[in-house]
Amino acid sequence: MLFYLIFGLAIVNRRLGVAVLCLWTFTCAAAMLRRALDLIDLSYPLSFLLTDYNILFAFGIVSALLFRSLSVNGASGVLAAGGVVFAIAAYLVVWHDQSGLAVVFGLAAALVITALVRFEIAGKVRVSKGLVRLGDASYSVYLMHGPVIVFVAMILDRLGLASCLRTVTTMGVMVVAGLVAGLVLHVAVERSILRVLSKYLVGRRLGVRCGYPSGHDGG
């Protein structure tokens, strides 16, 4: 919600919004570096406001700004780099129980997504309908995956499976559960809301173009 507030500020006043977003991102990065060096241990609410996850917003923004200027050959290198970074991070998590790698996984994802979007625009990649559907549901997946992961962890613990399953298996179950829950929310709720909002916004645009006052049906 804090990101949405800052992004809303950028819509109202671009310079002020961008300045606040940059300051927030750099502060989060500084806090992450100091934690890594054992120089600081933030307590709530600063630990939440300055969490490493907030830096991932910047990765998404940079990806959206740069992917169009990236060449296809350059995208190949970016994709390879993203795959290497992701593989290293996954290895550290699964086989060495390393934590605190959110930024590393975020960087890998940003690199891979940037390259794949560039390939898609260049016609080098054809996306299946299933992946398009999953992309449509991405926001619902984002909303649902957190509570679903907690719920699945509780269920596995109650069933005594948490200590029996390998970390990679547990992660796989959580990923599938989060995706399914997000898809259900998208189909059952999000699509209906978007359909209503689209009709409302299209109606308002047509009214403005035709010179009708707000609320006038044009009849």
C-alpha atoms as a PDB file:
ATOM      1  CA  MET A   1       0.000   0.000   0.000  1.00  0.00           C
ATOM      2  CA  LEU A   2       2.897   2.336   0.672  1.00  0.00           C
ATOM      3  CA  PHE A   3       4.133   1.771  -2.877  1.00  0.00           C
ATOM      4  CA  TYR A   4       0.678   2.558  -4.241  1.00  0.00           C
ATOM      5  CA  LEU A   5       0.596   5.786  -2.237  1.00  0.00           C
ATOM      6  CA  ILE A   6       4.012   6.825  -3.575  1.00  0.00           C
ATOM      7  CA  PHE A   7       3.030   5.856  -7.124  1.00  0.00           C
ATOM      8  CA  GLY A   8      -0.182   7.857  -6.721  1.00  0.00           C
ATOM      9  CA  LEU A   9       1.924  10.802  -5.596  1.00  0.00           C
ATOM     10  CA  ALA A  10       3.975  10.423  -8.790  1.00  0.00           C
ATOM     11  CA  ILE A  11       0.773  10.652 -10.830  1.00  0.00           C
ATOM     12  CA  VAL A  12      -0.198  13.887  -9.078  1.00  0.00           C
ATOM     13  CA  ASN A  13       3.332  15.331  -9.057  1.00  0.00           C
ATOM     14  CA  ARG A  14       5.840  13.346 -11.102  1.00  0.00           C
ATOM     15  CA  ARG A  15       9.008  14.976  -9.768  1.00  0.00           C
ATOM     16  CA  LEU A  16       7.989  14.706  -6.134  1.00  0.00           C
ATOM     17  CA  GLY A  17       6.764  11.130  -6.546  1.00  0.00           C
ATOM     18  CA  VAL A  18       9.938  10.007  -8.322  1.00  0.00           C
ATOM     19  CA  ALA A  19      12.087  11.743  -5.701  1.00  0.00           C
ATOM     20  CA  VAL A  20      10.255  10.027  -2.831  1.00  0.00           C
ATOM     21  CA  LEU A  21      10.410   6.651  -4.592  1.00  0.00           C
ATOM     22  CA  CYS A  22      14.157   6.981  -5.225  1.00  0.00           C
ATOM     23  CA  LEU A  23      14.792   8.064  -1.632  1.00  0.00           C
ATOM     24  CA  TRP A  24      12.776   5.129  -0.303  1.00  0.00           C
ATOM     25  CA  THR A  25      14.577   2.651  -2.555  1.00  0.00           C
ATOM     26  CA  PHE A  26      18.045   3.936  -1.674  1.00  0.00           C
ATOM     27  CA  THR A  27      17.179   3.905   2.038  1.00  0.00           C
ATOM     28  CA  CYS A  28      16.001   0.289   1.766  1.00  0.00           C
ATOM     29  CA  ALA A  29      19.222  -0.631  -0.061  1.00  0.00           C
ATOM     30  CA  ALA A  30      21.329   1.090   2.597  1.00  0.00           C
ATOM     31  CA  ALA A  31      19.451  -0.719   5.366  1.00  0.00           C
ATOM     32  CA  MET A  32      19.935  -4.038   3.553  1.00  0.00           C
ATOM     33  CA  LEU A  33      23.670  -3.429   3.234  1.00  0.00           C
ATOM     34  CA  ARG A  34      24.011  -2.475   6.890  1.00  0.00           C
ATOM     35  CA  ARG A  35      22.107  -5.609   7.947  1.00  0.00           C
ATOM     36  CA  ALA A  36      24.366  -7.733   5.755  1.00  0.00           C
ATOM     37  CA  LEU A  37      27.399  -6.242   7.503  1.00  0.00           C
ATOM     38  CA  ASP A  38      25.790  -6.709  10.946  1.00  0.00           C
ATOM     39  CA  LEU A  39      25.885  -2.956  11.505  1.00  0.00           C
ATOM     40  CA  ILE A  40      22.183  -2.529  12.196  1.00  0.00           C
ATOM     41  CA  ASP A  41      19.169  -4.521  13.337  1.00  0.00           C
ATOM     42  CA  LEU A  42      15.977  -2.611  12.671  1.00  0.00           C
ATOM     43  CA  SER A  43      12.888  -3.145  14.765  1.00  0.00           C
ATOM     44  CA  TYR A  44       9.266  -2.819  13.674  1.00  0.00           C
ATOM     45  CA  PRO A  45       7.947  -0.675  11.982  1.00  0.00           C
ATOM     46  CA  LEU A  46      11.267   0.311  10.324  1.00  0.00           C
ATOM     47  CA  SER A  47      12.031  -3.353   9.606  1.00  0.00           C
ATOM     48  CA  PHE A  48       8.807  -3.453   7.558  1.00  0.00           C
ATOM     49  CA  LEU A  49       9.095  -0.044   5.898  1.00  0.00           C
ATOM     50  CA  LEU A  50      12.704  -0.681   4.881  1.00  0.00           C
ATOM     51  CA  THR A  51      12.493  -4.383   4.027  1.00  0.00           C
ATOM     52  CA  ASP A  52      14.513  -5.745   1.117  1.00  0.00           C
ATOM     53  CA  TYR A  53      11.316  -6.615  -0.767  1.00  0.00           C
ATOM     54  CA  ASN A  54      10.625  -2.934  -1.416  1.00  0.00           C
ATOM     55  CA  ILE A  55      13.683  -2.807  -3.684  1.00  0.00           C
ATOM     56  CA  LEU A  56      11.927  -5.181  -6.084  1.00  0.00           C
ATOM     57  CA  PHE A  57       9.538  -2.389  -7.100  1.00  0.00           C
ATOM     58  CA  ALA A  58      12.536  -0.544  -8.533  1.00  0.00           C
ATOM     59  CA  PHE A  59      13.561  -3.634 -10.521  1.00  0.00           C
ATOM     60  CA  GLY A  60      10.125  -3.753 -12.141  1.00  0.00           C
ATOM     61  CA  ILE A  61      10.201  -0.048 -13.002  1.00  0.00           C
ATOM     62  CA  VAL A  62      13.685  -0.267 -14.513  1.00  0.00           C
ATOM     63  CA  SER A  63      12.637  -3.327 -16.530  1.00  0.00           C
ATOM     64  CA  ALA A  64       9.614  -1.472 -17.924  1.00  0.00           C
ATOM     65  CA  LEU A  65      11.808   1.490 -18.898  1.00  0.00           C
ATOM     66  CA  LEU A  66      14.620  -0.461 -20.566  1.00  0.00           C
ATOM     67  CA  PHE A  67      13.163  -3.482 -22.354  1.00  0.00           C
ATOM     68  CA  ARG A  68      12.202  -1.572 -25.531  1.00  0.00           C
ATOM     69  CA  SER A  69      15.730  -0.255 -26.023  1.00  0.00           C
ATOM     70  CA  LEU A  70      17.267  -3.689 -25.584  1.00  0.00           C
ATOM     71  CA  SER A  71      18.430  -5.472 -28.738  1.00  0.00           C
ATOM     72  CA  VAL A  72      17.541  -9.106 -29.363  1.00  0.00           C
ATOM     73  CA  ASN A  73      21.195 -10.130 -29.021  1.00  0.00           C
ATOM     74  CA  GLY A  74      21.451  -8.122 -25.837  1.00  0.00           C
ATOM     75  CA  ALA A  75      18.300  -9.797 -24.550  1.00  0.00           C
ATOM     76  CA  SER A  76      19.964 -13.191 -25.006  1.00  0.00           C
ATOM     77  CA  GLY A  77      22.767 -12.157 -22.684  1.00  0.00           C
ATOM     78  CA  VAL A  78      20.316 -10.686 -20.168  1.00  0.00           C
ATOM     79  CA  LEU A  79      18.304 -13.926 -20.187  1.00  0.00           C
ATOM     80  CA  ALA A  80      21.432 -16.011 -19.602  1.00  0.00           C
ATOM     81  CA  ALA A  81      22.526 -13.739 -16.763  1.00  0.00           C
ATOM     82  CA  GLY A  82      19.092 -13.987 -15.156  1.00  0.00           C
ATOM     83  CA  GLY A  83      19.167 -17.777 -15.372  1.00  0.00           C
ATOM     84  CA  VAL A  84      22.606 -17.952 -13.766  1.00  0.00           C
ATOM     85  CA  VAL A  85      21.641 -15.601 -10.940  1.00  0.00           C
ATOM     86  CA  PHE A  86      18.447 -17.561 -10.273  1.00  0.00           C
ATOM     87  CA  ALA A  87      20.284 -20.910 -10.294  1.00  0.00           C
ATOM     88  CA  ILE A  88      22.880 -19.665  -7.808  1.00  0.00           C
ATOM     89  CA  ALA A  89      20.220 -18.251  -5.481  1.00  0.00           C
ATOM     90  CA  ALA A  90      18.149 -21.453  -5.685  1.00  0.00           C
ATOM     91  CA  TYR A  91      21.233 -23.569  -4.931  1.00  0.00           C
ATOM     92  CA  LEU A  92      22.008 -21.496  -1.829  1.00  0.00           C
ATOM     93  CA  VAL A  93      18.424 -21.754  -0.573  1.00  0.00           C
ATOM     94  CA  VAL A  94      17.819 -25.460  -1.230  1.00  0.00           C
ATOM     95  CA  TRP A  95      21.176 -26.964  -0.349  1.00  0.00           C
ATOM     96  CA  HIS A  96      22.581 -24.459   2.125  1.00  0.00           C
ATOM     97  CA  ASP A  97      19.394 -23.127   3.783  1.00  0.00           C
ATOM     98  CA  GLN A  98      20.508 -19.613   2.947  1.00  0.00           C
ATOM     99  CA  SER A  99      17.876 -16.943   3.603  1.00  0.00           C
ATOM    100  CA  GLY A 100      17.574 -13.233   2.863  1.00  0.00           C
ATOM    101  CA  LEU A 101      17.970 -13.626  -0.901  1.00  0.00           C
ATOM    102  CA  ALA A 102      14.788 -11.814  -1.939  1.00  0.00           C
ATOM    103  CA  VAL A 103      16.718  -9.139  -3.818  1.00  0.00           C
ATOM    104  CA  VAL A 104      18.812 -11.754  -5.632  1.00  0.00           C
ATOM    105  CA  PHE A 105      15.724 -13.675  -6.757  1.00  0.00           C
ATOM    106  CA  GLY A 106      14.082 -10.363  -7.691  1.00  0.00           C
ATOM    107  CA  LEU A 107      17.060  -9.356  -9.805  1.00  0.00           C
ATOM    108  CA  ALA A 108      17.031 -12.735 -11.566  1.00  0.00           C
ATOM    109  CA  ALA A 109      13.304 -12.454 -12.262  1.00  0.00           C
ATOM    110  CA  ALA A 110      13.674  -8.898 -13.572  1.00  0.00           C
ATOM    111  CA  LEU A 111      16.447  -9.936 -15.955  1.00  0.00           C
ATOM    112  CA  VAL A 112      14.510 -12.946 -17.262  1.00  0.00           C
ATOM    113  CA  ILE A 113      11.243 -11.024 -17.683  1.00  0.00           C
ATOM    114  CA  THR A 114      12.962  -8.113 -19.435  1.00  0.00           C
ATOM    115  CA  ALA A 115      14.595 -10.462 -21.939  1.00  0.00           C
ATOM    116  CA  LEU A 116      11.481 -12.553 -22.574  1.00  0.00           C
ATOM    117  CA  VAL A 117       9.282  -9.502 -23.141  1.00  0.00           C
ATOM    118  CA  ARG A 118      11.832  -8.209 -25.648  1.00  0.00           C
ATOM    119  CA  PHE A 119      11.791 -11.580 -27.421  1.00  0.00           C
ATOM    120  CA  GLU A 120       7.989 -11.581 -27.495  1.00  0.00           C
ATOM    121  CA  ILE A 121       7.812  -8.099 -29.038  1.00  0.00           C
ATOM    122  CA  ALA A 122      10.405  -9.117 -31.626  1.00  0.00           C
ATOM    123  CA  GLY A 123       8.312 -12.174 -32.518  1.00  0.00           C
ATOM    124  CA  LYS A 124      10.958 -14.598 -31.253  1.00  0.00           C
ATOM    125  CA  VAL A 125       8.736 -16.049 -28.557  1.00  0.00           C
ATOM    126  CA  ARG A 126       5.136 -17.187 -28.900  1.00  0.00           C
ATOM    127  CA  VAL A 127       3.280 -17.311 -25.620  1.00  0.00           C
ATOM    128  CA  SER A 128       0.702 -20.032 -25.078  1.00  0.00           C
ATOM    129  CA  LYS A 129      -2.840 -19.211 -24.018  1.00  0.00           C
ATOM    130  CA  GLY A 130      -2.185 -20.839 -20.661  1.00  0.00           C
ATOM    131  CA  LEU A 131       0.682 -18.479 -19.896  1.00  0.00           C
ATOM    132  CA  VAL A 132      -1.394 -15.516 -21.091  1.00  0.00           C
ATOM    133  CA  ARG A 133      -4.128 -16.544 -18.656  1.00  0.00           C
ATOM    134  CA  LEU A 134      -1.554 -16.832 -15.896  1.00  0.00           C
ATOM    135  CA  GLY A 135      -0.273 -13.363 -16.768  1.00  0.00           C
ATOM    136  CA  ASP A 136      -3.808 -11.993 -16.624  1.00  0.00           C
ATOM    137  CA  ALA A 137      -4.128 -13.473 -13.145  1.00  0.00           C
ATOM    138  CA  SER A 138      -0.738 -12.229 -11.945  1.00  0.00           C
ATOM    139  CA  TYR A 139      -2.162  -9.547  -9.663  1.00  0.00           C
ATOM    140  CA  SER A 140      -4.566 -12.026  -8.065  1.00  0.00           C
ATOM    141  CA  VAL A 141      -1.669 -14.444  -7.606  1.00  0.00           C
ATOM    142  CA  TYR A 142       0.297 -11.632  -5.970  1.00  0.00           C
ATOM    143  CA  LEU A 143      -2.571 -10.954  -3.557  1.00  0.00           C
ATOM    144  CA  MET A 144      -3.205 -14.606  -2.702  1.00  0.00           C
ATOM    145  CA  HIS A 145       0.211 -16.235  -2.564  1.00  0.00           C
ATOM    146  CA  GLY A 146       1.196 -14.839   0.851  1.00  0.00           C
ATOM    147  CA  PRO A 147      -1.761 -16.075   2.916  1.00  0.00           C
ATOM    148  CA  VAL A 148      -1.928 -19.309   0.896  1.00  0.00           C
ATOM    149  CA  ILE A 149       1.737 -20.097   1.627  1.00  0.00           C
ATOM    150  CA  VAL A 150       1.106 -19.564   5.354  1.00  0.00           C
ATOM    151  CA  PHE A 151      -2.015 -21.756   5.205  1.00  0.00           C
ATOM    152  CA  VAL A 152      -0.208 -24.553   3.350  1.00  0.00           C
ATOM    153  CA  ALA A 153       2.677 -24.415   5.840  1.00  0.00           C
ATOM    154  CA  MET A 154       0.215 -24.774   8.719  1.00  0.00           C
ATOM    155  CA  ILE A 155      -1.493 -27.729   7.052  1.00  0.00           C
ATOM    156  CA  LEU A 156       1.806 -29.496   6.356  1.00  0.00           C
ATOM    157  CA  ASP A 157       2.860 -28.924   9.952  1.00  0.00           C
ATOM    158  CA  ARG A 158      -0.439 -30.265  11.319  1.00  0.00           C
ATOM    159  CA  LEU A 159      -0.116 -33.364   9.142  1.00  0.00           C
ATOM    160  CA  GLY A 160       3.464 -33.900  10.259  1.00  0.00           C
ATOM    161  CA  LEU A 161       4.757 -33.553   6.710  1.00  0.00           C
ATOM    162  CA  ALA A 162       6.814 -30.395   7.192  1.00  0.00           C
ATOM    163  CA  SER A 163       9.771 -32.313   8.603  1.00  0.00           C
ATOM    164  CA  CYS A 164       9.443 -35.187   6.127  1.00  0.00           C
ATOM    165  CA  LEU A 165       9.395 -33.314   2.830  1.00  0.00           C
ATOM    166  CA  ARG A 166      12.470 -31.820   1.233  1.00  0.00           C
ATOM    167  CA  THR A 167      12.589 -28.046   1.005  1.00  0.00           C
ATOM    168  CA  VAL A 168      12.228 -28.110  -2.776  1.00  0.00           C
ATOM    169  CA  THR A 169       9.089 -30.292  -2.504  1.00  0.00           C
ATOM    170  CA  THR A 170       7.529 -28.002   0.082  1.00  0.00           C
ATOM    171  CA  MET A 171       8.285 -24.990  -2.076  1.00  0.00           C
ATOM    172  CA  GLY A 172       6.702 -26.716  -5.076  1.00  0.00           C
ATOM    173  CA  VAL A 173       3.494 -27.416  -3.153  1.00  0.00           C
ATOM    174  CA  MET A 174       3.326 -23.803  -1.992  1.00  0.00           C
ATOM    175  CA  VAL A 175       3.926 -22.448  -5.508  1.00  0.00           C
ATOM    176  CA  VAL A 176       1.188 -24.623  -7.025  1.00  0.00           C
ATOM    177  CA  ALA A 177      -1.253 -23.743  -4.244  1.00  0.00           C
ATOM    178  CA  GLY A 178      -0.556 -20.022  -4.641  1.00  0.00           C
ATOM    179  CA  LEU A 179      -1.033 -20.177  -8.416  1.00  0.00           C
ATOM    180  CA  VAL A 180      -4.298 -22.118  -8.163  1.00  0.00           C
ATOM    181  CA  ALA A 181      -5.688 -19.760  -5.519  1.00  0.00           C
ATOM    182  CA  GLY A 182      -4.713 -16.732  -7.604  1.00  0.00           C
ATOM    183  CA  LEU A 183      -6.349 -18.160 -10.729  1.00  0.00           C
ATOM    184  CA  VAL A 184      -9.562 -18.892  -8.812  1.00  0.00           C
ATOM    185  CA  LEU A 185      -9.648 -15.333  -7.435  1.00  0.00           C
ATOM    186  CA  HIS A 186      -9.018 -13.932 -10.915  1.00  0.00           C
ATOM    187  CA  VAL A 187     -11.816 -15.920 -12.523  1.00  0.00           C
ATOM    188  CA  ALA A 188     -14.317 -15.550  -9.683  1.00  0.00           C
ATOM    189  CA  VAL A 189     -13.723 -11.914  -8.698  1.00  0.00           C
ATOM    190  CA  GLU A 190     -11.127  -9.896 -10.616  1.00  0.00           C
ATOM    191  CA  ARG A 191     -12.488 -10.454 -14.127  1.00  0.00           C
ATOM    192  CA  SER A 192     -15.976  -9.373 -13.085  1.00  0.00           C
ATOM    193  CA  ILE A 193     -14.640  -6.208 -11.448  1.00  0.00           C
ATOM    194  CA  LEU A 194     -12.512  -5.377 -14.490  1.00  0.00           C
ATOM    195  CA  ARG A 195     -15.461  -5.958 -16.814  1.00  0.00           C
ATOM    196  CA  VAL A 196     -17.639  -3.523 -14.836  1.00  0.00           C
ATOM    197  CA  LEU A 197     -14.882  -0.919 -14.569  1.00  0.00           C
ATOM    198  CA  SER A 198     -14.102  -1.200 -18.291  1.00  0.00           C
ATOM    199  CA  LYS A 199     -17.718  -0.513 -19.224  1.00  0.00           C
ATOM    200  CA  TYR A 200     -17.818   2.428 -16.813  1.00  0.00           C
ATOM    201  CA  LEU A 201     -14.572   3.957 -18.080  1.00  0.00           C
ATOM    202  CA  VAL A 202     -15.477   3.430 -21.746  1.00  0.00           C
ATOM    203  CA  GLY A 203     -18.822   5.061 -21.115  1.00  0.00           C
ATOM    204  CA  ARG A 204     -17.185   8.063 -19.478  1.00  0.00           C
ATOM    205  CA  ARG A 205     -14.705   8.435 -22.358  1.00  0.00           C
ATOM    206  CA  LEU A 206     -17.489   8.306 -24.940  1.00  0.00           C
ATOM    207  CA  GLY A 207     -19.461  10.859 -22.968  1.00  0.00           C
ATOM    208  CA  VAL A 208     -16.504  13.223 -22.848  1.00  0.00           C
ATOM    209  CA  ARG A 209     -15.759  12.818 -26.576  1.00  0.00           C
ATOM    210  CA  CYS A 210     -19.406  13.443 -27.513  1.00  0.00           C
ATOM    211  CA  GLY A 211     -19.687  16.411 -25.200  1.00  0.00           C
ATOM    212  CA  TYR A 212     -22.165  14.806 -22.806  1.00  0.00           C
ATOM    213  CA  PRO A 213     -22.050  15.928 -19.176  1.00  0.00           C
ATOM    214  CA  SER A 214     -21.107  13.362 -16.531  1.00  0.00           C
ATOM    215  CA  GLY A 215     -23.964  10.962 -15.857  1.00  0.00           C
ATOM    216  CA  HIS A 216     -25.771  11.792 -19.125  1.00  0.00           C
ATOM    217  CA  ASP A 217     -26.727   8.727 -21.161  1.00  0.00           C
ATOM    218  CA  GLY A 218     -26.560  10.497 -24.508  1.00  0.00           C
ATOM    219  CA  GLY A 219     -30.141   9.626 -25.347  1.00  0.00           C
END
